[in-house]
Protein backbone atom coordinates (compact mmCIF):
# COMPACT_ATOMS: atom_id res chain seq x y z
CA MET A 1 94.42 104.61 79.77
CA THR A 2 92.97 102.56 82.61
CA SER A 3 91.94 104.37 85.78
CA ALA A 4 93.02 101.70 88.32
CA TYR A 5 95.91 103.14 90.31
CA ALA A 6 99.03 101.03 90.93
CA GLU A 7 101.76 102.08 93.35
CA LEU A 8 105.18 102.09 91.61
CA HIS A 9 107.54 103.30 94.32
CA CYS A 10 107.55 100.95 97.32
CA HIS A 11 110.29 99.96 99.78
CA SER A 12 110.05 96.79 101.73
CA ASN A 13 112.12 95.77 104.78
CA TYR A 14 114.70 94.58 102.25
CA SER A 15 115.67 98.17 101.92
CA PHE A 16 117.60 97.51 105.10
CA LEU A 17 116.83 99.84 107.99
CA GLU A 18 114.59 101.96 105.66
CA GLY A 19 111.54 99.92 104.82
CA ALA A 20 109.31 99.00 107.74
CA SER A 21 107.05 96.30 106.28
CA HIS A 22 107.60 92.89 104.84
CA PRO A 23 106.77 92.25 101.17
CA ASP A 24 103.80 90.09 102.15
CA GLU A 25 102.46 92.88 104.37
CA LEU A 26 102.64 95.33 101.52
CA VAL A 27 100.87 92.87 99.25
CA ALA A 28 98.19 92.24 101.80
CA ARG A 29 97.53 95.97 102.07
CA ALA A 30 97.43 96.30 98.23
CA ARG A 31 94.88 93.47 98.12
CA ASP A 32 92.73 95.19 100.76
CA LEU A 33 92.88 98.33 98.59
CA GLU A 34 91.91 96.27 95.52
CA MET A 35 95.02 97.53 93.82
CA PRO A 36 95.62 95.59 90.57
CA ALA A 37 99.37 95.93 90.56
CA LEU A 38 102.18 96.86 92.94
CA ALA A 39 105.96 97.45 92.41
CA ILE A 40 108.75 96.73 94.84
CA THR A 41 111.69 99.12 94.43
CA ASP A 42 114.21 98.48 97.22
CA ARG A 43 117.37 100.46 97.32
CA ASN A 44 120.08 99.22 94.95
CA GLY A 45 119.05 95.66 94.79
CA PHE A 46 116.45 92.92 94.22
CA TYR A 47 116.78 91.44 97.69
CA GLY A 48 113.08 91.01 98.36
CA ALA A 49 111.92 90.58 94.80
CA VAL A 50 111.36 86.81 94.77
CA LYS A 51 109.49 86.81 98.09
CA PHE A 52 107.40 89.80 96.87
CA PHE A 53 106.70 88.07 93.53
CA GLY A 54 105.36 84.92 95.20
CA ALA A 55 103.15 86.87 97.63
CA ALA A 56 101.76 89.04 94.85
CA GLN A 57 100.92 86.00 92.65
CA ARG A 58 99.17 84.29 95.52
CA ALA A 59 97.12 87.48 96.17
CA GLY A 60 96.14 87.86 92.54
CA ILE A 61 98.14 91.14 92.21
CA GLN A 62 100.40 91.88 89.28
CA PRO A 63 104.01 92.17 90.66
CA ILE A 64 106.31 94.82 89.21
CA ILE A 65 110.04 94.52 89.83
CA GLY A 66 112.33 97.50 90.11
CA THR A 67 114.89 99.28 92.23
CA GLU A 68 115.77 102.70 93.56
CA LEU A 69 119.24 103.29 92.21
CA THR A 70 121.76 105.71 93.73
CA ILE A 71 123.27 107.85 91.05
CA ASP A 72 126.69 109.45 91.65
CA ASP A 73 126.12 113.19 91.55
CA GLY A 74 129.73 114.01 91.07
CA THR A 75 130.43 115.12 94.66
CA ARG A 76 132.76 113.17 96.98
CA PRO A 77 130.90 110.37 98.74
CA PRO A 78 130.85 110.48 102.52
CA LYS A 79 133.35 108.24 104.31
CA ASP A 80 130.74 106.86 106.73
CA ARG A 81 127.68 105.19 105.24
CA VAL A 82 125.59 106.62 108.09
CA ASP A 83 125.68 109.81 105.99
CA TYR A 84 125.15 108.01 102.72
CA ASP A 85 121.43 107.85 102.47
CA ARG A 86 121.22 111.61 101.82
CA TRP A 87 124.10 111.66 99.31
CA GLY A 88 123.73 111.34 95.52
CA ASP A 89 120.64 111.32 93.40
CA ARG A 90 117.88 108.69 93.14
CA LEU A 91 116.61 107.12 89.98
CA LEU A 92 113.67 104.68 90.10
CA LEU A 93 113.91 101.96 87.47
CA LEU A 94 111.12 99.52 86.62
CA VAL A 95 111.46 96.36 84.58
CA GLU A 96 109.20 95.94 81.51
CA ASP A 97 110.10 92.41 80.51
CA LYS A 98 112.87 89.78 80.67
CA LEU A 99 115.29 91.99 78.69
CA GLY A 100 114.62 94.81 81.14
CA TYR A 101 115.29 92.52 84.05
CA THR A 102 118.60 91.44 82.48
CA SER A 103 119.60 95.08 81.94
CA LEU A 104 118.73 96.07 85.49
CA CYS A 105 120.66 93.13 86.92
CA ARG A 106 123.74 94.40 85.14
CA VAL A 107 123.11 97.97 86.29
CA ILE A 108 122.84 96.92 89.90
CA SER A 109 125.95 94.74 89.68
CA MET A 110 127.91 97.67 88.27
CA ALA A 111 126.69 99.88 91.12
CA GLN A 112 127.50 97.38 93.80
CA MET A 113 130.73 95.60 92.88
CA PRO A 114 133.31 98.39 92.86
CA ASN A 115 131.96 100.09 96.01
CA ALA A 116 131.96 99.40 99.71
CA LYS A 117 129.16 97.54 101.35
CA GLY A 118 126.07 99.72 101.71
CA MET A 119 127.49 102.43 99.39
CA ALA A 120 126.41 101.27 95.98
CA ARG A 121 126.33 103.99 93.33
CA LEU A 122 126.58 104.37 89.57
CA ALA A 123 127.86 107.19 87.41
CA PRO A 124 125.11 108.38 85.01
CA ASP A 125 127.15 107.68 81.89
CA LYS A 126 127.37 103.97 82.88
CA LEU A 127 123.64 103.66 82.06
CA ALA A 128 124.38 103.89 78.37
CA GLY A 129 123.74 100.58 76.71
CA LEU A 130 122.03 99.14 79.80
CA SER A 131 118.76 101.00 79.59
CA ASN A 132 116.89 98.53 77.33
CA HIS A 133 113.27 97.85 78.32
CA LEU A 134 113.51 99.89 81.54
CA ILE A 135 111.15 102.66 82.65
CA ALA A 136 112.74 105.49 84.60
CA LEU A 137 110.94 107.67 87.18
CA VAL A 138 112.84 110.78 88.27
CA ALA A 139 111.81 112.87 91.26
CA ASP A 140 114.87 115.12 91.36
CA PRO A 141 116.45 115.08 87.89
CA LYS A 142 118.43 118.37 88.30
CA GLU A 143 119.96 119.07 84.88
CA ARG A 144 119.89 115.41 83.78
CA LEU A 145 116.37 115.17 82.43
CA PRO A 146 117.42 115.53 78.70
CA PHE A 147 120.19 112.96 79.35
CA TYR A 148 117.75 110.42 80.83
CA GLN A 149 115.38 111.02 77.90
CA GLU A 150 118.18 110.29 75.49
CA ILE A 151 119.39 107.16 77.36
CA PHE A 152 115.98 105.60 78.05
CA GLY A 153 113.83 107.15 75.36
CA ARG A 154 111.30 109.93 75.79
CA ASP A 155 108.43 107.44 76.24
CA ARG A 156 110.19 105.72 79.13
CA VAL A 157 111.09 108.66 81.32
CA PHE A 158 108.52 110.17 83.71
CA ILE A 159 108.62 113.01 86.26
CA GLU A 160 107.64 111.50 89.62
CA LEU A 161 105.38 113.51 91.90
CA HIS A 162 104.83 112.60 95.52
CA ASP A 163 103.34 114.76 98.23
CA HIS A 164 103.46 113.83 101.89
CA LEU A 165 102.08 117.06 103.22
CA ALA A 166 105.51 118.28 104.28
CA PRO A 167 106.00 122.06 104.18
CA ASP A 168 108.20 122.13 101.02
CA ASP A 169 106.33 119.44 98.98
CA ARG A 170 104.14 121.86 97.13
CA SER A 171 106.94 124.12 95.98
CA ARG A 172 109.12 121.13 95.04
CA ASN A 173 106.37 119.66 92.92
CA GLN A 174 105.63 122.98 91.29
CA GLY A 175 109.24 123.09 90.15
CA LEU A 176 108.88 119.62 88.74
CA LEU A 177 105.67 120.54 86.95
CA ASP A 178 107.45 123.47 85.30
CA LEU A 179 110.34 121.23 84.30
CA ALA A 180 107.95 118.60 82.82
CA GLU A 181 106.24 121.31 80.80
CA ARG A 182 109.52 122.66 79.40
CA HIS A 183 110.71 119.27 78.29
CA GLY A 184 107.41 117.66 77.35
CA THR A 185 107.87 114.92 79.96
CA PRO A 186 104.88 112.95 81.23
CA LEU A 187 103.97 112.93 84.88
CA VAL A 188 103.32 110.08 87.29
CA ILE A 189 102.14 110.08 90.90
CA THR A 190 103.57 107.75 93.56
CA ASN A 191 103.63 107.81 97.33
CA GLU A 192 107.26 106.74 97.89
CA VAL A 193 105.99 104.02 100.28
CA PHE A 194 108.15 102.84 103.28
CA TYR A 195 105.46 100.89 105.21
CA ALA A 196 102.07 99.33 104.58
CA THR A 197 99.89 101.18 107.08
CA PRO A 198 100.20 104.50 109.02
CA ASP A 199 100.88 102.86 112.38
CA ARG A 200 104.18 101.43 111.06
CA HIS A 201 105.72 104.92 111.03
CA ARG A 202 106.79 104.27 114.64
CA LEU A 203 108.85 101.33 113.51
CA HIS A 204 110.26 103.32 110.62
CA ASP A 205 111.41 105.95 113.12
CA VAL A 206 113.21 103.34 115.18
CA LEU A 207 114.90 101.87 112.10
CA THR A 208 115.99 105.38 111.03
CA ALA A 209 117.54 105.94 114.45
CA ILE A 210 119.37 102.58 114.26
CA ARG A 211 120.62 103.41 110.73
CA HIS A 212 122.10 106.69 111.99
CA ARG A 213 123.43 105.01 115.16
CA THR A 214 121.60 107.41 117.41
CA THR A 215 118.56 107.63 119.67
CA LEU A 216 115.05 108.70 118.71
CA ASP A 217 115.60 112.04 120.50
CA GLU A 218 118.71 112.78 118.48
CA ALA A 219 117.40 111.42 115.22
CA GLN A 220 114.74 114.10 114.75
CA ARG A 221 116.42 115.75 111.76
CA TYR A 222 116.42 112.40 109.95
CA LEU A 223 112.82 111.40 110.57
CA HIS A 224 109.89 112.00 108.25
CA PRO A 225 107.72 114.77 109.57
CA ASN A 226 104.53 112.67 109.56
CA ALA A 227 103.15 109.18 108.81
CA GLU A 228 102.20 109.77 105.20
CA HIS A 229 104.66 107.32 103.58
CA TYR A 230 102.19 104.35 103.76
CA LEU A 231 100.54 102.49 100.87
CA LYS A 232 97.54 104.54 99.73
CA SER A 233 94.75 103.99 97.31
CA GLY A 234 94.21 106.10 94.24
CA ALA A 235 91.33 107.81 96.00
CA GLU A 236 93.48 108.78 98.95
CA LEU A 237 96.15 110.14 96.70
CA ARG A 238 93.59 112.11 94.73
CA GLN A 239 92.57 113.76 98.01
CA VAL A 240 96.23 114.50 98.93
CA PHE A 241 96.76 116.11 95.52
CA SER A 242 93.52 118.07 95.63
CA ARG A 243 95.57 121.24 95.91
CA TYR A 244 97.01 120.65 92.42
CA PRO A 245 95.32 121.20 89.07
CA ARG A 246 92.79 118.45 88.19
CA SER A 247 94.59 117.75 84.91
CA VAL A 248 97.83 117.04 86.78
CA VAL A 249 96.24 114.60 89.09
CA ASP A 250 94.36 112.85 86.37
CA GLU A 251 97.50 112.44 84.31
CA GLY A 252 99.67 111.33 87.21
CA LEU A 253 97.29 108.60 88.45
CA ALA A 254 96.43 107.39 84.96
CA GLN A 255 100.14 107.18 84.01
CA ALA A 256 100.81 105.02 87.07
CA ALA A 257 98.17 102.54 85.86
CA GLU A 258 99.48 102.69 82.30
CA ILE A 259 103.07 101.99 83.36
CA ALA A 260 101.84 99.04 85.41
CA GLN A 261 100.28 97.65 82.26
CA ARG A 262 103.59 97.84 80.43
CA CYS A 263 105.58 96.07 83.14
CA ARG A 264 104.93 92.38 82.51
CA PHE A 265 108.07 90.67 83.64
CA SER A 266 107.56 87.40 85.43
CA PHE A 267 110.06 85.18 87.31
CA ASP A 268 110.37 81.60 86.16
CA LEU A 269 110.74 79.90 89.52
CA VAL A 270 110.05 76.44 88.24
CA SER A 271 112.41 75.62 85.41
CA ALA A 272 115.95 74.65 86.31
CA ARG A 273 118.65 76.34 84.23
CA PHE A 274 122.24 75.20 84.52
CA PRO A 275 125.38 76.81 83.09
CA GLY A 276 126.18 73.81 80.88
CA PHE A 277 128.51 71.08 82.14
CA PRO A 278 131.05 69.93 79.59
CA VAL A 279 130.89 66.15 78.93
CA PRO A 280 133.13 63.92 76.78
CA ALA A 281 132.38 63.76 73.09
CA GLY A 282 129.47 61.45 72.24
CA GLU A 283 128.05 61.68 75.79
CA THR A 284 125.01 63.52 77.15
CA PRO A 285 124.94 64.73 80.75
CA TYR A 286 122.73 61.82 81.63
CA SER A 287 124.83 59.19 79.91
CA PHE A 288 127.98 60.56 81.52
CA LEU A 289 126.30 60.59 84.98
CA TYR A 290 125.08 57.03 84.34
CA ARG A 291 128.57 55.86 83.50
CA LEU A 292 130.18 57.50 86.56
CA CYS A 293 127.63 55.86 88.77
CA GLN A 294 128.04 52.43 87.25
CA ASP A 295 131.83 52.66 87.64
CA ALA A 296 131.54 53.83 91.25
CA VAL A 297 128.92 51.31 92.37
CA ARG A 298 131.26 48.40 91.53
CA GLU A 299 133.93 50.02 93.69
CA LYS A 300 131.77 50.81 96.73
CA TYR A 301 129.48 47.81 96.75
CA ARG A 302 131.02 44.37 96.61
CA PRO A 303 128.93 42.59 95.57
CA VAL A 304 126.34 44.85 93.90
CA THR A 305 123.16 43.40 95.32
CA SER A 306 119.80 43.53 93.59
CA GLU A 307 118.68 46.09 96.22
CA VAL A 308 121.59 48.34 95.37
CA ALA A 309 121.06 48.02 91.61
CA ALA A 310 117.38 48.68 91.84
CA ARG A 311 117.91 51.73 94.09
CA LEU A 312 120.54 53.18 91.71
CA GLN A 313 118.38 52.66 88.64
CA LYS A 314 115.36 54.23 90.35
CA GLU A 315 117.32 57.34 91.30
CA LEU A 316 118.91 57.66 87.85
CA ASP A 317 115.46 57.41 86.26
CA VAL A 318 114.06 60.16 88.46
CA ILE A 319 117.14 62.35 87.80
CA ASN A 320 116.76 61.84 84.07
CA LYS A 321 113.00 62.65 84.10
CA THR A 322 113.50 65.80 86.18
CA GLY A 323 116.47 67.01 84.13
CA PHE A 324 118.93 67.26 86.97
CA SER A 325 121.83 65.32 85.48
CA GLU A 326 123.96 68.51 85.12
CA PHE A 327 123.09 69.51 88.69
CA PHE A 328 124.67 66.30 90.03
CA LEU A 329 127.63 66.53 87.68
CA ILE A 330 128.36 70.15 88.80
CA ASN A 331 128.49 69.04 92.39
CA TRP A 332 130.55 66.00 91.61
CA ASP A 333 133.05 68.19 89.84
CA LEU A 334 133.25 70.52 92.82
CA MET A 335 134.11 67.60 95.12
CA ARG A 336 136.60 66.24 92.61
CA PHE A 337 138.37 69.58 92.44
CA ALA A 338 138.44 69.83 96.24
CA ARG A 339 139.97 66.32 96.63
CA SER A 340 142.57 67.05 93.96
CA ARG A 341 143.74 70.05 96.00
CA GLY A 342 143.49 68.37 99.40
CA ILE A 343 140.58 70.65 100.42
CA PRO A 344 138.34 69.11 103.08
CA GLY A 345 134.76 69.08 101.98
CA GLN A 346 131.52 67.13 102.59
CA GLY A 347 127.90 67.23 101.54
CA ARG A 348 125.21 67.25 104.11
CA GLY A 349 121.44 67.50 104.56
CA SER A 350 118.91 65.56 102.66
CA ALA A 351 121.38 64.88 99.80
CA ALA A 352 122.61 62.11 102.04
CA ASP A 353 119.47 60.22 101.17
CA SER A 354 120.74 59.74 97.62
CA ILE A 355 122.86 56.79 96.47
CA VAL A 356 123.92 58.79 93.42
CA ALA A 357 125.28 61.51 95.64
CA TYR A 358 127.04 58.85 97.72
CA LEU A 359 128.57 57.20 94.59
CA LEU A 360 129.77 60.58 93.24
CA GLY A 361 131.56 61.34 96.48
CA ILE A 362 129.31 64.27 97.30
CA THR A 363 128.22 62.69 100.53
CA ARG A 364 129.76 59.95 102.76
CA VAL A 365 126.68 58.27 104.15
CA ASP A 366 125.56 54.99 102.60
CA PRO A 367 121.73 55.40 102.15
CA ILE A 368 121.30 51.66 101.71
CA GLU A 369 123.01 50.78 104.99
CA HIS A 370 120.99 53.42 106.90
CA ASN A 371 117.74 52.84 105.07
CA LEU A 372 117.38 56.43 103.95
CA LEU A 373 114.44 57.59 101.77
CA PHE A 374 115.42 59.11 98.47
CA GLU A 375 112.07 60.86 98.06
CA ARG A 376 112.95 63.20 100.94
CA PHE A 377 115.58 64.62 98.61
CA LEU A 378 114.11 64.33 95.07
CA HIS A 379 111.03 62.96 93.51
CA GLU A 380 109.29 63.33 90.11
CA GLU A 381 106.71 65.75 91.27
CA MET A 382 109.19 68.34 92.63
CA THR A 383 108.94 71.78 91.10
CA THR A 384 112.10 73.17 92.63
CA THR A 385 115.77 72.22 92.32
CA PRO A 386 116.96 69.87 95.13
CA ASP A 387 119.30 71.27 97.73
CA ILE A 388 122.89 69.97 98.02
CA ASP A 389 124.81 71.70 100.79
CA ILE A 390 128.54 71.19 100.68
CA ASP A 391 130.81 72.44 103.49
CA PHE A 392 134.34 73.26 102.42
CA SER A 393 137.20 74.21 104.71
CA THR A 394 137.03 77.91 105.52
CA ALA A 395 140.78 78.16 104.90
CA HIS A 396 140.32 76.89 101.32
CA ARG A 397 136.83 78.27 100.48
CA GLU A 398 138.18 80.97 98.20
CA GLN A 399 139.98 78.42 96.04
CA VAL A 400 136.69 76.62 95.38
CA ILE A 401 134.89 79.89 94.61
CA GLN A 402 137.58 80.95 92.12
CA TYR A 403 137.43 77.51 90.44
CA VAL A 404 133.66 77.95 89.93
CA TYR A 405 134.16 81.46 88.40
CA GLU A 406 136.90 80.24 86.16
CA LYS A 407 135.04 77.13 84.95
CA TYR A 408 131.60 78.68 84.33
CA GLY A 409 132.43 82.35 83.84
CA PRO A 410 131.10 85.43 85.65
CA GLU A 411 127.93 85.39 83.39
CA CYS A 412 126.82 82.05 84.87
CA THR A 413 128.10 82.47 88.39
CA GLY A 414 126.80 84.39 91.35
CA MET A 415 127.19 84.73 95.10
CA VAL A 416 124.25 84.48 97.47
CA CYS A 417 123.91 85.48 101.11
CA ASN A 418 121.75 84.80 104.14
CA VAL A 419 119.55 87.47 105.63
CA VAL A 420 119.93 87.14 109.38
CA THR A 421 116.79 88.10 111.26
CA TYR A 422 115.87 88.67 114.95
CA ARG A 423 112.81 87.95 116.92
CA GLN A 424 111.03 90.62 118.92
CA ARG A 425 113.08 90.39 122.13
CA SER A 426 116.46 90.30 120.39
CA ALA A 427 115.50 93.11 118.02
CA ILE A 428 114.49 95.41 120.84
CA ARG A 429 117.58 94.54 122.82
CA ARG A 430 119.78 95.45 119.83
CA SER A 431 117.97 98.76 119.23
CA PRO A 432 119.15 102.07 120.73
CA ARG A 433 118.32 102.07 124.44
CA ARG A 434 118.37 105.63 125.59
CA PRO A 435 114.90 106.45 126.92
CA VAL A 436 112.76 108.90 124.98
CA THR A 437 111.79 111.80 127.11
CA ARG A 438 109.14 113.36 124.88
CA PRO A 439 105.51 112.87 125.81
CA PRO A 440 103.95 109.93 123.94
CA THR A 441 101.88 111.99 121.51
CA SER A 442 100.91 110.25 118.33
CA ARG A 443 100.91 111.44 114.75
CA ASN A 444 97.89 111.66 112.49
CA PRO A 445 98.42 110.65 108.92
CA GLY A 446 97.53 114.08 107.69
CA SER A 447 99.57 116.11 110.09
CA SER A 448 102.66 117.99 108.82
CA CYS A 449 104.51 118.07 112.17
CA SER A 450 104.78 115.48 114.86
CA THR A 451 106.73 113.91 117.65
CA SER A 452 108.04 110.36 117.76
CA PRO A 453 106.66 107.64 120.02
CA PRO A 454 108.38 106.36 123.10
CA ARG A 455 110.39 103.17 122.83
CA SER A 456 107.65 101.11 124.38
CA SER A 457 105.44 101.70 121.32
CA ILE A 458 107.05 98.69 119.55
CA SER A 459 104.32 96.08 120.01
CA ARG A 460 104.10 92.42 119.30
CA GLY A 461 102.44 93.20 116.02
CA THR A 462 105.60 94.86 114.73
CA SER A 463 108.09 92.26 115.86
CA ARG A 464 108.41 90.42 112.59
CA SER A 465 109.21 93.50 110.59
CA THR A 466 111.54 94.76 113.27
CA SER A 467 113.51 91.48 113.16
CA ALA A 468 113.91 91.37 109.39
CA ALA A 469 114.60 95.07 108.87
CA CYS A 470 117.27 95.08 111.61
CA SER A 471 119.24 92.43 109.78
CA SER A 472 122.25 94.47 108.85
CA PRO A 473 124.68 93.76 111.66
CA ALA A 474 127.10 96.52 110.80
CA SER A 475 124.31 99.08 111.33
CA LEU A 476 123.61 98.05 114.89
């Protein structure tokens, strides 16, 4: 086993109102610690995974993708999601490879789709058949450890130890050590990170108060007792765990590094993959697109000038070389469906620079007449898919969505969302406003008891994370 420690349990601000640091801030801290690998494990989702992946690659750090999944413990869930973060069990799942990522996507979808917003959960038995190429870390397995070992395999289940110098941490971990010994389960040490550096605990306290719709004074029972949930080096964790047997610490840190070596999944953020657009027999996507454009150009341009013909051929050549024929056909088909149902719709943005988009009825602006530059929208050196924004009537939007699902199937269709963020002033304005009456004493990272800071402790340096982490409007 290698001795280089890697943190495997890390929440970013995409664990909404829980994590207090952006993915790039966590990566920067890991780089400063010379950490070879880092996992992002936000609650019940991959919300920050792509941003984290890019930041880690740029920093020369191996990114590990995972999630902290809420497991239904069999009790009745709370009606208000304010009380939900302490309900159920937690299971940390890490992706080994592409098959593991596919499995975890399905697991997360099964946890999210049947349940109310912010209350994702999954019954343990639903994991059967979806555990391929996943590594499970359990910090509170209760009676389910043998079940997890059967589902994931004994070599993919680890007892997770973390110690934040809280009063009951030592006794809890001793119980886990006894459990691991009885079942022959390997140990791994993590720090259950919620922020990059110790000073961010102040922001984490504010987010916790917002999540529970209360003030800092009244949120005391929900706050962490100290500032220990920051990203630590292996040496720092070894010091924290100095009160445990040396063999336990050696195994726990080494297993973290070993697990990191096993997790080699990588996003392919360059290649474009389309669901497959059906074309007439004997046609390819490009030949069909070419024919549609040739038919349309004779309708819209009378006569078809040499400028128009040259511009069309240039765009078609670029589309063919970049492999985006299906992309244009999919958007053409959406507009065709909308028109057939009388649904108002119109493309906008840089797509208006394309004569192909204009001929297909995706946009309504003639790029020749307005002297628009196609290269603003698409050129041969582009490594990402071009962006076509189509606005459909709000009253008919669901019809278009259902058409997409029916045509391409749920396996090839997904919904995306925007993450609304606030700048510093707006974030503070939306935070709880009751003044904190405690004296502004600070917390040392090693202390086991503390008081929270006054509201004025939110500084300019924390504004970006405040804005992103406060992005769940229903929680404010």
